[in-house]
């Protein structure tokens, strides 16, 4: 929510206002500013609720022995260092290094 309000403040400093015709939202009015703040607060609340439910689900799965976390990605350290050195020396692109 804070990021959205910071963006709106930056735009306001540049004399830019938001008007959404579909939602009838106009940040040039006090009502529009209030609605934007409410929408941002609701979006932040929903993200927090999703994260809380996710953490609760993970905790339950761990208690039941069903959750073991992300499996490590196997890789050859020597090959990784070799490819990384080529990239740092400009011998190949980052995309080629990752493949």
N, C-alpha and C. Protein backbone atom coordinates (compact mmCIF):
# COMPACT_ATOMS: atom_id res chain seq x y z
N UNK A 1 0.82 -1.17 0.00
CA UNK A 1 0.00 0.00 0.00
C UNK A 1 0.88 1.25 0.00
N UNK A 2 1.94 1.19 0.78
CA UNK A 2 2.83 2.36 0.85
C UNK A 2 3.44 2.67 -0.50
N UNK A 3 3.79 1.62 -1.27
CA UNK A 3 4.36 1.85 -2.59
C UNK A 3 3.37 2.58 -3.49
N UNK A 4 2.12 2.15 -3.47
CA UNK A 4 1.10 2.80 -4.29
C UNK A 4 0.96 4.27 -3.90
N UNK A 5 0.90 4.55 -2.62
CA UNK A 5 0.76 5.93 -2.17
C UNK A 5 1.99 6.76 -2.54
N UNK A 6 3.17 6.15 -2.48
CA UNK A 6 4.38 6.86 -2.90
C UNK A 6 4.34 7.20 -4.39
N UNK A 7 3.86 6.24 -5.19
CA UNK A 7 3.74 6.48 -6.63
C UNK A 7 2.75 7.61 -6.90
N UNK A 8 1.62 7.58 -6.22
CA UNK A 8 0.62 8.63 -6.39
C UNK A 8 1.20 9.98 -5.99
N UNK A 9 1.95 10.03 -4.89
CA UNK A 9 2.57 11.29 -4.46
C UNK A 9 3.60 11.79 -5.46
N UNK A 10 4.39 10.88 -6.03
CA UNK A 10 5.37 11.27 -7.05
C UNK A 10 4.66 11.83 -8.28
N UNK A 11 3.58 11.17 -8.68
CA UNK A 11 2.82 11.66 -9.83
C UNK A 11 2.19 13.02 -9.53
N UNK A 12 1.72 13.17 -8.31
CA UNK A 12 1.09 14.44 -7.92
C UNK A 12 2.09 15.59 -7.99
N UNK A 13 3.35 15.33 -7.59
CA UNK A 13 4.39 16.35 -7.68
C UNK A 13 4.62 16.79 -9.12
N UNK A 14 4.35 15.88 -10.06
CA UNK A 14 4.52 16.16 -11.48
C UNK A 14 3.22 16.64 -12.12
N UNK A 15 2.25 16.97 -11.27
CA UNK A 15 0.92 17.44 -11.73
C UNK A 15 0.19 16.40 -12.56
N UNK A 16 0.33 15.14 -12.18
CA UNK A 16 -0.37 14.05 -12.85
C UNK A 16 -1.41 13.51 -11.88
N UNK A 17 -2.63 13.35 -12.34
CA UNK A 17 -3.71 12.81 -11.52
C UNK A 17 -4.26 11.56 -12.21
N UNK A 18 -4.82 10.67 -11.41
CA UNK A 18 -5.37 9.41 -11.92
C UNK A 18 -6.89 9.54 -12.05
N UNK A 19 -7.39 9.21 -13.22
CA UNK A 19 -8.84 9.15 -13.44
C UNK A 19 -9.16 7.85 -14.16
N UNK A 20 -9.88 6.98 -13.47
CA UNK A 20 -10.30 5.72 -14.06
C UNK A 20 -11.78 5.83 -14.41
N UNK A 21 -12.08 5.78 -15.68
CA UNK A 21 -13.47 5.91 -16.12
C UNK A 21 -14.29 4.68 -15.76
N UNK A 22 -13.66 3.52 -15.86
CA UNK A 22 -14.38 2.27 -15.59
C UNK A 22 -14.82 2.19 -14.13
N UNK A 23 -13.92 2.53 -13.20
CA UNK A 23 -14.23 2.45 -11.78
C UNK A 23 -14.74 3.77 -11.21
N UNK A 24 -14.86 4.79 -12.02
CA UNK A 24 -15.26 6.13 -11.58
C UNK A 24 -14.37 6.60 -10.43
N UNK A 25 -13.08 6.45 -10.60
CA UNK A 25 -12.10 6.83 -9.59
C UNK A 25 -11.34 8.04 -10.09
N UNK A 26 -11.27 9.09 -9.29
CA UNK A 26 -10.63 10.33 -9.68
C UNK A 26 -9.83 10.85 -8.49
N UNK A 27 -8.51 10.82 -8.59
CA UNK A 27 -7.67 11.22 -7.46
C UNK A 27 -7.58 12.74 -7.30
N UNK A 28 -8.28 13.47 -8.14
CA UNK A 28 -8.31 14.92 -7.96
C UNK A 28 -9.33 15.31 -6.90
N UNK A 29 -10.17 14.37 -6.48
CA UNK A 29 -11.19 14.64 -5.47
C UNK A 29 -10.85 13.92 -4.17
N UNK A 30 -11.32 14.43 -3.05
CA UNK A 30 -11.08 13.74 -1.78
C UNK A 30 -11.70 12.34 -1.77
N UNK A 31 -12.86 12.17 -2.39
CA UNK A 31 -13.50 10.86 -2.43
C UNK A 31 -12.67 9.87 -3.24
N UNK A 32 -12.10 10.32 -4.34
CA UNK A 32 -11.25 9.46 -5.16
C UNK A 32 -10.00 9.03 -4.42
N UNK A 33 -9.40 9.97 -3.69
CA UNK A 33 -8.22 9.64 -2.89
C UNK A 33 -8.56 8.62 -1.82
N UNK A 34 -9.72 8.79 -1.18
CA UNK A 34 -10.16 7.85 -0.15
C UNK A 34 -10.37 6.46 -0.75
N UNK A 35 -11.04 6.39 -1.90
CA UNK A 35 -11.31 5.09 -2.53
C UNK A 35 -10.00 4.40 -2.92
N UNK A 36 -9.05 5.15 -3.45
CA UNK A 36 -7.77 4.57 -3.84
C UNK A 36 -7.05 4.01 -2.61
N UNK A 37 -7.08 4.75 -1.52
CA UNK A 37 -6.45 4.29 -0.29
C UNK A 37 -7.14 3.04 0.25
N UNK A 38 -8.46 3.01 0.17
CA UNK A 38 -9.22 1.83 0.63
C UNK A 38 -8.88 0.61 -0.23
N UNK A 39 -8.85 0.80 -1.56
CA UNK A 39 -8.51 -0.32 -2.46
C UNK A 39 -7.10 -0.84 -2.17
N UNK A 40 -6.17 0.07 -1.96
CA UNK A 40 -4.79 -0.34 -1.67
C UNK A 40 -4.73 -1.10 -0.35
N UNK A 41 -5.47 -0.62 0.65
CA UNK A 41 -5.49 -1.30 1.95
C UNK A 41 -6.10 -2.68 1.86
N UNK A 42 -7.17 -2.81 1.09
CA UNK A 42 -7.80 -4.13 0.91
C UNK A 42 -6.87 -5.10 0.18
N UNK A 43 -6.17 -4.59 -0.82
CA UNK A 43 -5.24 -5.45 -1.56
C UNK A 43 -4.11 -5.93 -0.65
N UNK A 44 -3.59 -5.04 0.18
CA UNK A 44 -2.53 -5.42 1.11
C UNK A 44 -3.05 -6.43 2.13
N UNK A 45 -4.25 -6.20 2.64
CA UNK A 45 -4.87 -7.12 3.58
C UNK A 45 -5.02 -8.51 2.96
N UNK A 46 -5.49 -8.57 1.72
CA UNK A 46 -5.68 -9.87 1.06
C UNK A 46 -4.35 -10.59 0.87
N UNK A 47 -3.30 -9.87 0.48
CA UNK A 47 -1.97 -10.49 0.33
C UNK A 47 -1.49 -11.05 1.66
N UNK A 48 -1.69 -10.29 2.73
CA UNK A 48 -1.28 -10.75 4.06
C UNK A 48 -2.06 -12.00 4.48
N UNK A 49 -3.35 -12.04 4.18
CA UNK A 49 -4.18 -13.19 4.53
C UNK A 49 -3.73 -14.44 3.75
N UNK A 50 -3.43 -14.26 2.48
CA UNK A 50 -2.96 -15.39 1.67
C UNK A 50 -1.66 -15.94 2.25
N UNK A 51 -0.75 -15.04 2.59
CA UNK A 51 0.54 -15.47 3.16
C UNK A 51 0.35 -16.18 4.49
N UNK A 52 -0.55 -15.67 5.33
CA UNK A 52 -0.82 -16.30 6.62
C UNK A 52 -1.40 -17.70 6.42
N UNK A 53 -2.35 -17.86 5.51
CA UNK A 53 -2.93 -19.18 5.25
C UNK A 53 -1.88 -20.14 4.70
N UNK A 54 -1.00 -19.62 3.85
CA UNK A 54 0.05 -20.45 3.30
C UNK A 54 0.97 -20.96 4.40
N UNK A 55 1.38 -20.06 5.30
CA UNK A 55 2.27 -20.47 6.39
C UNK A 55 1.59 -21.47 7.32
N UNK A 56 0.30 -21.27 7.58
CA UNK A 56 -0.44 -22.22 8.42
C UNK A 56 -0.49 -23.59 7.74
N UNK A 57 -0.73 -23.60 6.44
CA UNK A 57 -0.77 -24.87 5.71
C UNK A 57 0.57 -25.58 5.72
N UNK A 58 1.64 -24.83 5.56
CA UNK A 58 2.98 -25.41 5.60
C UNK A 58 3.27 -25.99 6.99
N UNK A 59 2.88 -25.28 8.04
CA UNK A 59 3.11 -25.76 9.41
C UNK A 59 2.36 -27.07 9.65
N UNK A 60 1.11 -27.15 9.19
CA UNK A 60 0.32 -28.38 9.35
C UNK A 60 0.96 -29.52 8.57
N UNK A 61 1.37 -29.23 7.33
CA UNK A 61 2.00 -30.27 6.50
C UNK A 61 3.30 -30.75 7.12
N UNK A 62 4.06 -29.85 7.74
CA UNK A 62 5.30 -30.26 8.40
C UNK A 62 5.01 -31.17 9.59
N UNK A 63 3.97 -30.84 10.36
CA UNK A 63 3.60 -31.68 11.51
C UNK A 63 3.21 -33.08 11.05
N UNK A 64 2.59 -33.17 9.90
CA UNK A 64 2.15 -34.46 9.38
C UNK A 64 3.24 -35.16 8.59
N UNK A 65 4.39 -34.51 8.45
CA UNK A 65 5.50 -35.10 7.73
C UNK A 65 5.33 -35.08 6.22
N UNK A 66 4.44 -34.23 5.72
CA UNK A 66 4.17 -34.17 4.28
C UNK A 66 4.97 -33.10 3.57
N UNK A 67 5.48 -32.16 4.30
CA UNK A 67 6.18 -31.03 3.70
C UNK A 67 7.67 -31.17 3.98
N UNK A 68 8.43 -31.22 2.94
CA UNK A 68 9.86 -31.38 3.11
C UNK A 68 10.63 -30.21 2.51
N UNK A 69 9.91 -29.22 1.99
CA UNK A 69 10.56 -28.05 1.40
C UNK A 69 10.97 -28.31 -0.04
N UNK A 70 11.57 -27.31 -0.61
CA UNK A 70 12.01 -27.40 -2.00
C UNK A 70 13.20 -28.33 -2.12
N UNK A 71 13.18 -29.16 -3.14
CA UNK A 71 14.28 -30.08 -3.37
C UNK A 71 15.47 -29.31 -3.94
N UNK A 72 16.67 -29.59 -3.46
CA UNK A 72 17.84 -28.89 -4.00
C UNK A 72 18.06 -29.24 -5.47
N UNK A 73 18.54 -28.27 -6.20
CA UNK A 73 18.83 -28.48 -7.62
C UNK A 73 20.26 -29.00 -7.73
N UNK A 74 20.43 -30.21 -8.25
CA UNK A 74 21.79 -30.75 -8.35
C UNK A 74 22.58 -30.01 -9.43
N UNK A 75 23.85 -29.74 -9.15
CA UNK A 75 24.71 -29.12 -10.15
C UNK A 75 26.15 -29.50 -9.87
N UNK A 76 26.94 -29.43 -10.91
CA UNK A 76 28.36 -29.74 -10.84
C UNK A 76 29.11 -28.46 -10.52
N UNK A 77 29.71 -28.38 -9.32
CA UNK A 77 30.37 -27.15 -8.89
C UNK A 77 31.52 -26.76 -9.82
N UNK A 78 32.29 -27.74 -10.27
CA UNK A 78 33.43 -27.45 -11.14
C UNK A 78 32.93 -26.85 -12.47
N UNK A 79 31.89 -27.44 -13.03
CA UNK A 79 31.33 -26.93 -14.28
C UNK A 79 30.75 -25.54 -14.08
N UNK A 80 30.09 -25.34 -12.96
CA UNK A 80 29.52 -24.03 -12.65
C UNK A 80 30.60 -22.96 -12.60
N UNK A 81 31.69 -23.24 -11.91
CA UNK A 81 32.78 -22.28 -11.80
C UNK A 81 33.41 -21.99 -13.16
N UNK A 82 33.54 -23.03 -13.97
CA UNK A 82 34.12 -22.88 -15.30
C UNK A 82 33.24 -21.99 -16.17
N UNK A 83 31.94 -22.25 -16.16
CA UNK A 83 31.01 -21.46 -16.97
C UNK A 83 30.92 -20.02 -16.45
N UNK A 84 30.94 -19.86 -15.15
CA UNK A 84 30.88 -18.54 -14.54
C UNK A 84 32.11 -17.71 -14.93
N UNK A 85 33.26 -18.36 -14.95
CA UNK A 85 34.51 -17.69 -15.33
C UNK A 85 34.43 -17.21 -16.78
N UNK A 86 33.88 -18.05 -17.66
CA UNK A 86 33.72 -17.65 -19.07
C UNK A 86 32.83 -16.41 -19.18
N UNK A 87 31.76 -16.40 -18.39
CA UNK A 87 30.84 -15.25 -18.42
C UNK A 87 31.54 -13.99 -17.92
N UNK A 88 32.25 -14.11 -16.81
CA UNK A 88 32.95 -12.94 -16.24
C UNK A 88 34.02 -12.39 -17.18
N UNK A 89 34.64 -13.27 -17.94
CA UNK A 89 35.67 -12.84 -18.89
C UNK A 89 35.07 -12.33 -20.20
N UNK A 90 33.74 -12.37 -20.31
CA UNK A 90 33.09 -11.88 -21.52
C UNK A 90 33.15 -12.86 -22.68
N UNK A 91 33.45 -14.11 -22.40
CA UNK A 91 33.56 -15.12 -23.46
C UNK A 91 32.20 -15.66 -23.88
N UNK A 92 31.18 -15.48 -23.04
CA UNK A 92 29.84 -15.95 -23.39
C UNK A 92 28.80 -15.10 -22.66
N UNK A 93 27.57 -15.19 -23.13
CA UNK A 93 26.48 -14.41 -22.54
C UNK A 93 25.99 -15.07 -21.26
N UNK A 94 25.22 -14.31 -20.49
CA UNK A 94 24.65 -14.87 -19.25
C UNK A 94 23.68 -16.00 -19.60
N UNK A 95 22.92 -15.84 -20.69
CA UNK A 95 21.98 -16.89 -21.09
C UNK A 95 22.70 -18.19 -21.40
N UNK A 96 23.82 -18.10 -22.12
CA UNK A 96 24.59 -19.30 -22.44
C UNK A 96 25.17 -19.91 -21.17
N UNK A 97 25.54 -19.09 -20.22
CA UNK A 97 26.09 -19.58 -18.95
C UNK A 97 25.04 -20.35 -18.17
N UNK A 98 23.80 -19.89 -18.19
CA UNK A 98 22.73 -20.54 -17.43
C UNK A 98 22.30 -21.86 -18.04
N UNK A 99 22.55 -22.08 -19.31
CA UNK A 99 22.11 -23.32 -19.94
C UNK A 99 23.06 -24.39 -19.65
